[in-house]
Amino acid sequence: MINLESKFIGSMIGSAIGDAIGELAFFYNEKASLEDIIKTSEKLIYTDDTAMSIGLAESLIERRCVDQEHLGNTFSKYFFQEPWRGYASGPPTIFYMVRERGLSYVEASRSLFGGKGSFGNGAAMRIAPIGLFYYKSDSLYEKASLSAEVTHAHPVGMDGAAVQAYAVSKAVNLDPGKEFSKEEFIQNLINFSRTPEIKEKMELVKRLILEDVSPEIAHDFLGRSVSVDESMPFAIYSFLKNPKSFKECLFCSILHGGDRDTLGAMACAISGAYLGADAIPPVWRDKIENREMIERLALSLYKIVEDQSNKC
């Protein structure tokens, strides 16, 4: 069994690498050209996906729990420091509403899209720290939903984030030295989901994996938009299609269109949690920006969990 420190680091660093290389894949969408640019790049630069994941990890470490106002403040701090990271319109709108109108983050989040809230993939893309922090907890769904609600208050947005967090937690608990049932893994996600939109897509992932459908066809079935029910399922598919290879999981997730950086972040958060940090190509780990800080955050999360010093 791979040690848990490696799995925590693997998930957070893996997600950052998936994000950064996925962003490159928007411009270099063939495997050979993408590998060439990775080799020649001095650094791999992540996007808002990882910036928000870092913020979530920092808030969990400081508060030992999901504190929505503290989490929103942390997200907002990082946005105003680095607004160029590629944020979609939703989170910045929330941050300005809180700053200018005095609303809570949840109030602002719930006001978006005609009062329905966002069901985009922005909560799922950053959720790895929740999957790690609560990997042994029966309250994972609740905590994932609370963290999502700060920016994505639609039930589908929260459900998609919770299912992604659960996939990370399940991967932490699996031993890659042993065979595991793909059917059982995806069935657990089906049972865990609570909205028909996510549950139906998880059922579809199960069928596509069991029938060994190619990524090109699977992506057409699962969707290519930024809504969480049309992106997160393909990340799950990419992991289950390539459970023994971090590299192939990454390439599968980002080379077939869609929201490439977020697909990479989600798929590789699961792959890294399953295979551990040593499964990630060392040159990729060396090139990801702020590697030492991300690894330090991952180890801090691990220490809090293993010391049982989280508040909830």
C-alpha atoms as a PDB file:
ATOM      1  CA  MET A   1       0.000   0.000   0.000  1.00  0.00           C
ATOM      2  CA  ILE A   2       1.317   3.438  -0.936  1.00  0.00           C
ATOM      3  CA  ASN A   3       1.700   5.651   2.118  1.00  0.00           C
ATOM      4  CA  LEU A   4      -0.964   8.256   2.683  1.00  0.00           C
ATOM      5  CA  GLU A   5       1.437  11.196   2.543  1.00  0.00           C
ATOM      6  CA  SER A   6       2.234  10.235  -1.042  1.00  0.00           C
ATOM      7  CA  LYS A   7      -1.452   9.959  -1.883  1.00  0.00           C
ATOM      8  CA  PHE A   8      -2.263  13.388  -0.434  1.00  0.00           C
ATOM      9  CA  ILE A   9       0.645  14.971  -2.315  1.00  0.00           C
ATOM     10  CA  GLY A  10      -0.201  12.996  -5.440  1.00  0.00           C
ATOM     11  CA  SER A  11      -3.761  14.284  -5.461  1.00  0.00           C
ATOM     12  CA  MET A  12      -2.945  17.964  -4.965  1.00  0.00           C
ATOM     13  CA  ILE A  13       0.157  18.089  -7.169  1.00  0.00           C
ATOM     14  CA  GLY A  14      -1.536  15.833  -9.701  1.00  0.00           C
ATOM     15  CA  SER A  15      -4.535  18.129  -9.912  1.00  0.00           C
ATOM     16  CA  ALA A  16      -2.291  21.178 -10.418  1.00  0.00           C
ATOM     17  CA  ILE A  17      -0.353  19.413 -13.182  1.00  0.00           C
ATOM     18  CA  GLY A  18      -3.571  18.282 -14.859  1.00  0.00           C
ATOM     19  CA  ASP A  19      -4.801  21.868 -14.731  1.00  0.00           C
ATOM     20  CA  ALA A  20      -1.573  23.372 -16.126  1.00  0.00           C
ATOM     21  CA  ILE A  21      -1.084  20.837 -18.910  1.00  0.00           C
ATOM     22  CA  GLY A  22      -4.797  20.930 -19.688  1.00  0.00           C
ATOM     23  CA  GLU A  23      -4.493  24.677 -20.217  1.00  0.00           C
ATOM     24  CA  LEU A  24      -1.647  24.052 -22.701  1.00  0.00           C
ATOM     25  CA  ALA A  25      -3.857  21.544 -24.517  1.00  0.00           C
ATOM     26  CA  PHE A  26      -6.174  24.359 -25.633  1.00  0.00           C
ATOM     27  CA  PHE A  27      -3.306  25.466 -27.884  1.00  0.00           C
ATOM     28  CA  TYR A  28      -1.481  22.146 -28.433  1.00  0.00           C
ATOM     29  CA  ASN A  29      -4.233  19.597 -28.823  1.00  0.00           C
ATOM     30  CA  GLU A  30      -2.232  16.774 -30.346  1.00  0.00           C
ATOM     31  CA  LYS A  31      -0.342  14.479 -27.987  1.00  0.00           C
ATOM     32  CA  ALA A  32       3.039  14.844 -29.723  1.00  0.00           C
ATOM     33  CA  SER A  33       2.950  18.637 -29.886  1.00  0.00           C
ATOM     34  CA  LEU A  34       1.702  18.809 -26.303  1.00  0.00           C
ATOM     35  CA  GLU A  35       4.552  16.626 -25.056  1.00  0.00           C
ATOM     36  CA  ASP A  36       7.020  18.820 -26.976  1.00  0.00           C
ATOM     37  CA  ILE A  37       5.781  22.024 -25.372  1.00  0.00           C
ATOM     38  CA  ILE A  38       5.834  20.434 -21.928  1.00  0.00           C
ATOM     39  CA  LYS A  39       9.479  19.505 -22.478  1.00  0.00           C
ATOM     40  CA  THR A  40      10.466  22.989 -23.597  1.00  0.00           C
ATOM     41  CA  SER A  41       8.434  24.888 -20.986  1.00  0.00           C
ATOM     42  CA  GLU A  42      10.450  26.211 -18.069  1.00  0.00           C
ATOM     43  CA  LYS A  43       7.395  26.165 -15.826  1.00  0.00           C
ATOM     44  CA  LEU A  44       3.913  24.681 -15.912  1.00  0.00           C
ATOM     45  CA  ILE A  45       1.515  27.505 -15.008  1.00  0.00           C
ATOM     46  CA  TYR A  46      -1.765  26.576 -13.368  1.00  0.00           C
ATOM     47  CA  THR A  47      -5.082  28.408 -13.643  1.00  0.00           C
ATOM     48  CA  ASP A  48      -7.848  29.481 -11.275  1.00  0.00           C
ATOM     49  CA  ASP A  49      -8.667  25.781 -10.752  1.00  0.00           C
ATOM     50  CA  THR A  50      -5.510  25.283  -8.711  1.00  0.00           C
ATOM     51  CA  ALA A  51      -5.527  28.774  -7.198  1.00  0.00           C
ATOM     52  CA  MET A  52      -8.926  27.988  -5.685  1.00  0.00           C
ATOM     53  CA  SER A  53      -7.815  24.510  -4.601  1.00  0.00           C
ATOM     54  CA  ILE A  54      -4.896  26.130  -2.782  1.00  0.00           C
ATOM     55  CA  GLY A  55      -7.306  28.556  -1.142  1.00  0.00           C
ATOM     56  CA  LEU A  56      -9.576  25.699  -0.054  1.00  0.00           C
ATOM     57  CA  ALA A  57      -6.641  23.794   1.433  1.00  0.00           C
ATOM     58  CA  GLU A  58      -5.415  26.882   3.285  1.00  0.00           C
ATOM     59  CA  SER A  59      -8.856  27.548   4.739  1.00  0.00           C
ATOM     60  CA  LEU A  60      -9.271  23.934   5.883  1.00  0.00           C
ATOM     61  CA  ILE A  61      -5.855  24.012   7.527  1.00  0.00           C
ATOM     62  CA  GLU A  62      -6.488  27.313   9.320  1.00  0.00           C
ATOM     63  CA  ARG A  63     -10.077  26.629  10.412  1.00  0.00           C
ATOM     64  CA  ARG A  64      -9.925  22.803  10.730  1.00  0.00           C
ATOM     65  CA  CYS A  65     -13.374  22.765   9.150  1.00  0.00           C
ATOM     66  CA  VAL A  66     -15.407  24.210   6.266  1.00  0.00           C
ATOM     67  CA  ASP A  67     -16.003  27.815   7.333  1.00  0.00           C
ATOM     68  CA  GLN A  68     -17.895  29.357   4.425  1.00  0.00           C
ATOM     69  CA  GLU A  69     -17.096  32.994   5.164  1.00  0.00           C
ATOM     70  CA  HIS A  70     -13.426  32.277   5.775  1.00  0.00           C
ATOM     71  CA  LEU A  71     -13.315  30.173   2.624  1.00  0.00           C
ATOM     72  CA  GLY A  72     -14.959  32.913   0.579  1.00  0.00           C
ATOM     73  CA  ASN A  73     -12.535  35.471   1.940  1.00  0.00           C
ATOM     74  CA  THR A  74      -9.613  33.221   1.015  1.00  0.00           C
ATOM     75  CA  PHE A  75     -10.916  32.715  -2.517  1.00  0.00           C
ATOM     76  CA  SER A  76     -11.503  36.456  -2.858  1.00  0.00           C
ATOM     77  CA  LYS A  77      -7.991  37.254  -1.622  1.00  0.00           C
ATOM     78  CA  TYR A  78      -6.423  35.059  -4.271  1.00  0.00           C
ATOM     79  CA  PHE A  79      -8.649  36.453  -7.003  1.00  0.00           C
ATOM     80  CA  PHE A  80      -7.766  40.071  -6.288  1.00  0.00           C
ATOM     81  CA  GLN A  81      -4.070  39.168  -6.045  1.00  0.00           C
ATOM     82  CA  GLU A  82      -4.069  37.257  -9.355  1.00  0.00           C
ATOM     83  CA  PRO A  83      -7.189  38.026 -11.416  1.00  0.00           C
ATOM     84  CA  TRP A  84      -5.368  36.867 -14.566  1.00  0.00           C
ATOM     85  CA  ARG A  85      -5.583  33.171 -13.635  1.00  0.00           C
ATOM     86  CA  GLY A  86      -8.571  32.614 -15.933  1.00  0.00           C
ATOM     87  CA  TYR A  87     -11.581  32.894 -13.655  1.00  0.00           C
ATOM     88  CA  ALA A  88     -15.024  32.450 -15.165  1.00  0.00           C
ATOM     89  CA  SER A  89     -17.497  35.260 -14.533  1.00  0.00           C
ATOM     90  CA  GLY A  90     -19.311  33.704 -11.555  1.00  0.00           C
ATOM     91  CA  PRO A  91     -16.768  33.821  -8.699  1.00  0.00           C
ATOM     92  CA  PRO A  92     -15.537  37.378  -9.410  1.00  0.00           C
ATOM     93  CA  THR A  93     -19.149  38.550  -9.559  1.00  0.00           C
ATOM     94  CA  ILE A  94     -19.683  37.035  -6.118  1.00  0.00           C
ATOM     95  CA  PHE A  95     -16.497  38.575  -4.731  1.00  0.00           C
ATOM     96  CA  TYR A  96     -17.509  42.050  -5.923  1.00  0.00           C
ATOM     97  CA  MET A  97     -21.053  41.631  -4.578  1.00  0.00           C
ATOM     98  CA  VAL A  98     -19.687  40.714  -1.153  1.00  0.00           C
ATOM     99  CA  ARG A  99     -17.223  43.611  -1.213  1.00  0.00           C
ATOM    100  CA  GLU A 100     -19.607  46.259  -2.513  1.00  0.00           C
ATOM    101  CA  ARG A 101     -23.007  45.192  -1.151  1.00  0.00           C
ATOM    102  CA  GLY A 102     -22.097  43.496   2.112  1.00  0.00           C
ATOM    103  CA  LEU A 103     -23.744  40.185   1.253  1.00  0.00           C
ATOM    104  CA  SER A 104     -22.487  36.884   2.593  1.00  0.00           C
ATOM    105  CA  TYR A 105     -20.771  34.648   0.031  1.00  0.00           C
ATOM    106  CA  VAL A 106     -23.647  32.177   0.100  1.00  0.00           C
ATOM    107  CA  GLU A 107     -26.222  34.935  -0.400  1.00  0.00           C
ATOM    108  CA  ALA A 108     -24.292  36.255  -3.373  1.00  0.00           C
ATOM    109  CA  SER A 109     -23.770  32.754  -4.757  1.00  0.00           C
ATOM    110  CA  ARG A 110     -27.477  31.920  -4.515  1.00  0.00           C
ATOM    111  CA  SER A 111     -28.409  35.115  -6.334  1.00  0.00           C
ATOM    112  CA  LEU A 112     -26.657  34.137  -9.566  1.00  0.00           C
ATOM    113  CA  PHE A 113     -28.493  32.871 -12.640  1.00  0.00           C
ATOM    114  CA  GLY A 114     -31.899  34.142 -11.664  1.00  0.00           C
ATOM    115  CA  GLY A 115     -31.608  32.992  -8.097  1.00  0.00           C
ATOM    116  CA  LYS A 116     -30.841  29.375  -9.011  1.00  0.00           C
ATOM    117  CA  GLY A 117     -27.092  29.494  -8.444  1.00  0.00           C
ATOM    118  CA  SER A 118     -24.374  28.094 -10.679  1.00  0.00           C
ATOM    119  CA  PHE A 119     -24.135  24.468 -11.763  1.00  0.00           C
ATOM    120  CA  GLY A 120     -20.771  24.958 -13.450  1.00  0.00           C
ATOM    121  CA  ASN A 121     -17.740  22.806 -12.704  1.00  0.00           C
ATOM    122  CA  GLY A 122     -15.906  25.453 -10.669  1.00  0.00           C
ATOM    123  CA  ALA A 123     -16.632  23.820  -7.310  1.00  0.00           C
ATOM    124  CA  ALA A 124     -15.668  20.335  -8.519  1.00  0.00           C
ATOM    125  CA  MET A 125     -12.394  21.487 -10.099  1.00  0.00           C
ATOM    126  CA  ARG A 126     -11.012  22.657  -6.734  1.00  0.00           C
ATOM    127  CA  ILE A 127     -12.530  20.006  -4.454  1.00  0.00           C
ATOM    128  CA  ALA A 128      -9.536  17.662  -3.974  1.00  0.00           C
ATOM    129  CA  PRO A 129      -8.638  19.063  -0.517  1.00  0.00           C
ATOM    130  CA  ILE A 130     -12.140  18.166   0.718  1.00  0.00           C
ATOM    131  CA  GLY A 131     -11.813  14.619  -0.595  1.00  0.00           C
ATOM    132  CA  LEU A 132      -8.501  14.318   1.241  1.00  0.00           C
ATOM    133  CA  PHE A 133      -9.490  16.089   4.464  1.00  0.00           C
ATOM    134  CA  TYR A 134     -12.667  14.036   4.863  1.00  0.00           C
ATOM    135  CA  TYR A 135     -11.522  10.790   3.270  1.00  0.00           C
ATOM    136  CA  LYS A 136     -12.515   8.841   6.395  1.00  0.00           C
ATOM    137  CA  SER A 137     -15.581  10.896   7.262  1.00  0.00           C
ATOM    138  CA  ASP A 138     -19.273  10.107   6.923  1.00  0.00           C
ATOM    139  CA  SER A 139     -19.910  13.848   6.558  1.00  0.00           C
ATOM    140  CA  LEU A 140     -18.021  14.224   3.277  1.00  0.00           C
ATOM    141  CA  TYR A 141     -21.153  15.019   1.241  1.00  0.00           C
ATOM    142  CA  GLU A 142     -22.191  17.754   3.659  1.00  0.00           C
ATOM    143  CA  LYS A 143     -18.717  19.301   3.789  1.00  0.00           C
ATOM    144  CA  ALA A 144     -18.248  19.187   0.024  1.00  0.00           C
ATOM    145  CA  SER A 145     -21.633  20.848  -0.448  1.00  0.00           C
ATOM    146  CA  LEU A 146     -20.798  23.601   2.034  1.00  0.00           C
ATOM    147  CA  SER A 147     -17.519  24.327   0.262  1.00  0.00           C
ATOM    148  CA  ALA A 148     -19.236  24.345  -3.138  1.00  0.00           C
ATOM    149  CA  GLU A 149     -22.094  26.607  -2.042  1.00  0.00           C
ATOM    150  CA  VAL A 150     -19.724  29.554  -1.553  1.00  0.00           C
ATOM    151  CA  THR A 151     -19.650  29.961  -5.344  1.00  0.00           C
ATOM    152  CA  HIS A 152     -21.900  27.234  -6.819  1.00  0.00           C
ATOM    153  CA  ALA A 153     -25.224  27.099  -5.011  1.00  0.00           C
ATOM    154  CA  HIS A 154     -27.269  25.121  -7.548  1.00  0.00           C
ATOM    155  CA  PRO A 155     -28.019  21.559  -6.311  1.00  0.00           C
ATOM    156  CA  VAL A 156     -26.322  20.080  -9.393  1.00  0.00           C
ATOM    157  CA  GLY A 157     -23.225  22.227  -8.837  1.00  0.00           C
ATOM    158  CA  MET A 158     -22.981  21.057  -5.248  1.00  0.00           C
ATOM    159  CA  ASP A 159     -23.779  17.428  -6.089  1.00  0.00           C
ATOM    160  CA  GLY A 160     -21.152  17.286  -8.819  1.00  0.00           C
ATOM    161  CA  ALA A 161     -18.524  18.683  -6.466  1.00  0.00           C
ATOM    162  CA  ALA A 162     -19.503  16.188  -3.769  1.00  0.00           C
ATOM    163  CA  VAL A 163     -19.266  13.237  -6.151  1.00  0.00           C
ATOM    164  CA  GLN A 164     -15.841  14.414  -7.358  1.00  0.00           C
ATOM    165  CA  ALA A 165     -14.701  14.721  -3.724  1.00  0.00           C
ATOM    166  CA  TYR A 166     -16.015  11.234  -3.016  1.00  0.00           C
ATOM    167  CA  ALA A 167     -14.069   9.853  -5.987  1.00  0.00           C
ATOM    168  CA  VAL A 168     -10.879  11.369  -4.526  1.00  0.00           C
ATOM    169  CA  SER A 169     -11.653   9.893  -1.104  1.00  0.00           C
ATOM    170  CA  LYS A 170     -12.311   6.443  -2.566  1.00  0.00           C
ATOM    171  CA  ALA A 171      -9.031   6.619  -4.495  1.00  0.00           C
ATOM    172  CA  VAL A 172      -7.140   7.442  -1.286  1.00  0.00           C
ATOM    173  CA  ASN A 173      -8.547   4.295   0.301  1.00  0.00           C
ATOM    174  CA  LEU A 174      -7.636   1.972  -2.575  1.00  0.00           C
ATOM    175  CA  ASP A 175      -4.370   0.046  -2.878  1.00  0.00           C
ATOM    176  CA  PRO A 176      -3.021   0.349  -6.447  1.00  0.00           C
ATOM    177  CA  GLY A 177      -1.034  -2.827  -5.857  1.00  0.00           C
ATOM    178  CA  LYS A 178      -4.273  -4.763  -5.895  1.00  0.00           C
ATOM    179  CA  GLU A 179      -6.919  -5.078  -8.551  1.00  0.00           C
ATOM    180  CA  PHE A 180     -10.036  -3.051  -7.933  1.00  0.00           C
ATOM    181  CA  SER A 181     -13.468  -3.293  -9.475  1.00  0.00           C
ATOM    182  CA  LYS A 182     -14.206  -0.416 -11.816  1.00  0.00           C
ATOM    183  CA  GLU A 183     -17.856  -1.375 -11.663  1.00  0.00           C
ATOM    184  CA  GLU A 184     -17.871  -1.169  -7.871  1.00  0.00           C
ATOM    185  CA  PHE A 185     -16.033   2.173  -7.920  1.00  0.00           C
ATOM    186  CA  ILE A 186     -18.544   3.814 -10.232  1.00  0.00           C
ATOM    187  CA  GLN A 187     -21.509   2.175  -8.505  1.00  0.00           C
ATOM    188  CA  ASN A 188     -20.376   3.802  -5.267  1.00  0.00           C
ATOM    189  CA  LEU A 189     -20.447   7.179  -7.027  1.00  0.00           C
ATOM    190  CA  ILE A 190     -23.911   6.455  -8.410  1.00  0.00           C
ATOM    191  CA  ASN A 191     -25.177   5.616  -4.942  1.00  0.00           C
ATOM    192  CA  PHE A 192     -23.491   8.700  -3.459  1.00  0.00           C
ATOM    193  CA  SER A 193     -25.004  11.192  -5.923  1.00  0.00           C
ATOM    194  CA  ARG A 194     -28.274  12.912  -5.067  1.00  0.00           C
ATOM    195  CA  THR A 195     -29.467  14.728  -8.185  1.00  0.00           C
ATOM    196  CA  PRO A 196     -30.904  12.973 -11.245  1.00  0.00           C
ATOM    197  CA  GLU A 197     -28.558  14.901 -13.552  1.00  0.00           C
ATOM    198  CA  ILE A 198     -25.406  13.587 -11.867  1.00  0.00           C
ATOM    199  CA  LYS A 199     -26.792  10.146 -11.103  1.00  0.00           C
ATOM    200  CA  GLU A 200     -27.791   9.580 -14.739  1.00  0.00           C
ATOM    201  CA  LYS A 201     -24.340  10.631 -15.970  1.00  0.00           C
ATOM    202  CA  MET A 202     -22.638   8.309 -13.487  1.00  0.00           C
ATOM    203  CA  GLU A 203     -24.836   5.495 -14.782  1.00  0.00           C
ATOM    204  CA  LEU A 204     -23.709   6.386 -18.282  1.00  0.00           C
ATOM    205  CA  VAL A 205     -20.043   6.368 -17.224  1.00  0.00           C
ATOM    206  CA  LYS A 206     -20.590   2.867 -15.851  1.00  0.00           C
ATOM    207  CA  ARG A 207     -22.017   1.653 -19.133  1.00  0.00           C
ATOM    208  CA  LEU A 208     -19.287   3.291 -21.218  1.00  0.00           C
ATOM    209  CA  ILE A 209     -16.528   1.774 -19.072  1.00  0.00           C
ATOM    210  CA  LEU A 210     -18.040  -1.706 -18.952  1.00  0.00           C
ATOM    211  CA  GLU A 211     -18.582  -1.654 -22.728  1.00  0.00           C
ATOM    212  CA  ASP A 212     -15.023  -0.333 -23.273  1.00  0.00           C
ATOM    213  CA  VAL A 213     -16.217   2.611 -25.350  1.00  0.00           C
ATOM    214  CA  SER A 214     -13.449   4.803 -26.792  1.00  0.00           C
ATOM    215  CA  PRO A 215     -12.749   8.260 -25.306  1.00  0.00           C
ATOM    216  CA  GLU A 216     -13.792  10.015 -28.519  1.00  0.00           C
ATOM    217  CA  ILE A 217     -17.245   8.432 -28.414  1.00  0.00           C
ATOM    218  CA  ALA A 218     -17.542   8.602 -24.626  1.00  0.00           C
ATOM    219  CA  HIS A 219     -16.909  12.354 -24.667  1.00  0.00           C
ATOM    220  CA  ASP A 220     -19.716  12.845 -27.188  1.00  0.00           C
ATOM    221  CA  PHE A 221     -22.103  11.003 -24.877  1.00  0.00           C
ATOM    222  CA  LEU A 222     -20.989  12.633 -21.629  1.00  0.00           C
ATOM    223  CA  GLY A 223     -20.783  16.249 -22.814  1.00  0.00           C
ATOM    224  CA  ARG A 224     -18.248  18.970 -23.506  1.00  0.00           C
ATOM    225  CA  SER A 225     -19.582  22.029 -21.693  1.00  0.00           C
ATOM    226  CA  VAL A 226     -18.466  23.739 -18.468  1.00  0.00           C
ATOM    227  CA  SER A 227     -21.527  22.546 -16.547  1.00  0.00           C
ATOM    228  CA  VAL A 228     -20.470  20.007 -13.953  1.00  0.00           C
ATOM    229  CA  ASP A 229     -22.760  17.275 -15.295  1.00  0.00           C
ATOM    230  CA  GLU A 230     -21.116  17.654 -18.721  1.00  0.00           C
ATOM    231  CA  SER A 231     -17.476  17.695 -17.580  1.00  0.00           C
ATOM    232  CA  MET A 232     -16.883  15.898 -14.270  1.00  0.00           C
ATOM    233  CA  PRO A 233     -18.275  12.567 -15.636  1.00  0.00           C
ATOM    234  CA  PHE A 234     -15.610  12.467 -18.363  1.00  0.00           C
ATOM    235  CA  ALA A 235     -12.926  13.064 -15.743  1.00  0.00           C
ATOM    236  CA  ILE A 236     -14.236  10.007 -13.861  1.00  0.00           C
ATOM    237  CA  TYR A 237     -14.279   8.065 -17.130  1.00  0.00           C
ATOM    238  CA  SER A 238     -10.671   9.091 -17.892  1.00  0.00           C
ATOM    239  CA  PHE A 239      -9.470   7.796 -14.533  1.00  0.00           C
ATOM    240  CA  LEU A 240     -11.334   4.494 -14.833  1.00  0.00           C
ATOM    241  CA  LYS A 241     -10.132   4.057 -18.413  1.00  0.00           C
ATOM    242  CA  ASN A 242      -6.480   4.498 -17.283  1.00  0.00           C
ATOM    243  CA  PRO A 243      -6.293   3.591 -13.579  1.00  0.00           C
ATOM    244  CA  LYS A 244      -2.655   2.426 -13.675  1.00  0.00           C
ATOM    245  CA  SER A 245      -1.137   5.390 -15.510  1.00  0.00           C
ATOM    246  CA  PHE A 246      -1.243   9.001 -14.313  1.00  0.00           C
ATOM    247  CA  LYS A 247       0.137  10.176 -17.649  1.00  0.00           C
ATOM    248  CA  GLU A 248      -2.428   8.356 -19.786  1.00  0.00           C
ATOM    249  CA  CYS A 249      -5.249   9.409 -17.477  1.00  0.00           C
ATOM    250  CA  LEU A 250      -4.169  13.015 -17.995  1.00  0.00           C
ATOM    251  CA  PHE A 251      -3.905  12.776 -21.754  1.00  0.00           C
ATOM    252  CA  CYS A 252      -7.251  10.993 -21.992  1.00  0.00           C
ATOM    253  CA  SER A 253      -8.955  13.736 -20.002  1.00  0.00           C
ATOM    254  CA  ILE A 254      -7.575  16.726 -21.926  1.00  0.00           C
ATOM    255  CA  LEU A 255      -7.104  15.642 -25.550  1.00  0.00           C
ATOM    256  CA  HIS A 256     -10.733  15.168 -26.574  1.00  0.00           C
ATOM    257  CA  GLY A 257     -12.092  18.694 -26.271  1.00  0.00           C
ATOM    258  CA  GLY A 258     -14.224  20.298 -23.630  1.00  0.00           C
ATOM    259  CA  ASP A 259     -12.991  22.293 -20.633  1.00  0.00           C
ATOM    260  CA  ARG A 260      -9.509  20.849 -20.858  1.00  0.00           C
ATOM    261  CA  ASP A 261      -7.781  22.400 -17.837  1.00  0.00           C
ATOM    262  CA  THR A 262     -10.645  21.556 -15.498  1.00  0.00           C
ATOM    263  CA  LEU A 263     -10.951  18.039 -16.888  1.00  0.00           C
ATOM    264  CA  GLY A 264      -7.251  17.555 -16.233  1.00  0.00           C
ATOM    265  CA  ALA A 265      -7.513  18.963 -12.713  1.00  0.00           C
ATOM    266  CA  MET A 266     -10.416  16.669 -11.804  1.00  0.00           C
ATOM    267  CA  ALA A 267      -9.125  13.475 -13.426  1.00  0.00           C
ATOM    268  CA  CYS A 268      -5.606  13.885 -12.066  1.00  0.00           C
ATOM    269  CA  ALA A 269      -6.783  14.678  -8.549  1.00  0.00           C
ATOM    270  CA  ILE A 270      -8.280  11.166  -8.519  1.00  0.00           C
ATOM    271  CA  SER A 271      -5.357   9.499 -10.293  1.00  0.00           C
ATOM    272  CA  GLY A 272      -2.819  11.130  -7.968  1.00  0.00           C
ATOM    273  CA  ALA A 273      -4.837  10.099  -4.908  1.00  0.00           C
ATOM    274  CA  TYR A 274      -4.883   6.521  -6.186  1.00  0.00           C
ATOM    275  CA  LEU A 275      -1.339   6.078  -7.511  1.00  0.00           C
ATOM    276  CA  GLY A 276       0.546   8.483  -5.223  1.00  0.00           C
ATOM    277  CA  ALA A 277       3.090  11.174  -6.026  1.00  0.00           C
ATOM    278  CA  ASP A 278       5.755   8.825  -7.363  1.00  0.00           C
ATOM    279  CA  ALA A 279       3.510   7.868 -10.284  1.00  0.00           C
ATOM    280  CA  ILE A 280       3.672  11.435 -11.610  1.00  0.00           C
ATOM    281  CA  PRO A 281       6.528  12.009 -14.094  1.00  0.00           C
ATOM    282  CA  PRO A 282       9.294  13.692 -12.049  1.00  0.00           C
ATOM    283  CA  VAL A 283       9.980  16.336 -14.696  1.00  0.00           C
ATOM    284  CA  TRP A 284       6.324  17.398 -14.518  1.00  0.00           C
ATOM    285  CA  ARG A 285       6.498  17.665 -10.735  1.00  0.00           C
ATOM    286  CA  ASP A 286       9.675  19.713 -10.995  1.00  0.00           C
ATOM    287  CA  LYS A 287       8.087  22.169 -13.426  1.00  0.00           C
ATOM    288  CA  ILE A 288       4.762  22.873 -11.750  1.00  0.00           C
ATOM    289  CA  GLU A 289       4.804  26.334 -10.218  1.00  0.00           C
ATOM    290  CA  ASN A 290       4.671  26.620  -6.434  1.00  0.00           C
ATOM    291  CA  ARG A 291       5.338  22.919  -6.076  1.00  0.00           C
ATOM    292  CA  GLU A 292       6.839  23.173  -2.601  1.00  0.00           C
ATOM    293  CA  MET A 293       3.915  25.208  -1.304  1.00  0.00           C
ATOM    294  CA  ILE A 294       1.327  22.802  -2.738  1.00  0.00           C
ATOM    295  CA  GLU A 295       3.144  19.802  -1.297  1.00  0.00           C
ATOM    296  CA  ARG A 296       3.403  21.537   2.072  1.00  0.00           C
ATOM    297  CA  LEU A 297      -0.350  22.145   2.069  1.00  0.00           C
ATOM    298  CA  ALA A 298      -1.009  18.497   1.205  1.00  0.00           C
ATOM    299  CA  LEU A 299       1.167  17.313   4.083  1.00  0.00           C
ATOM    300  CA  SER A 300      -0.512  19.756   6.474  1.00  0.00           C
ATOM    301  CA  LEU A 301      -3.917  18.379   5.513  1.00  0.00           C
ATOM    302  CA  TYR A 302      -2.618  14.860   6.108  1.00  0.00           C
ATOM    303  CA  LYS A 303      -1.199  15.738   9.525  1.00  0.00           C
ATOM    304  CA  ILE A 304      -4.450  17.324  10.696  1.00  0.00           C
ATOM    305  CA  VAL A 305      -6.493  14.331   9.561  1.00  0.00           C
ATOM    306  CA  GLU A 306      -4.175  11.751  11.078  1.00  0.00           C
ATOM    307  CA  ASP A 307      -3.903  13.723  14.348  1.00  0.00           C
ATOM    308  CA  GLN A 308      -7.705  13.924  14.331  1.00  0.00           C
ATOM    309  CA  SER A 309      -7.447  17.628  15.064  1.00  0.00           C
ATOM    310  CA  ASN A 310     -10.055  18.705  12.512  1.00  0.00           C
ATOM    311  CA  LYS A 311     -13.024  20.286  14.247  1.00  0.00           C
ATOM    312  CA  CYS A 312     -15.739  18.493  12.322  1.00  0.00           C
END
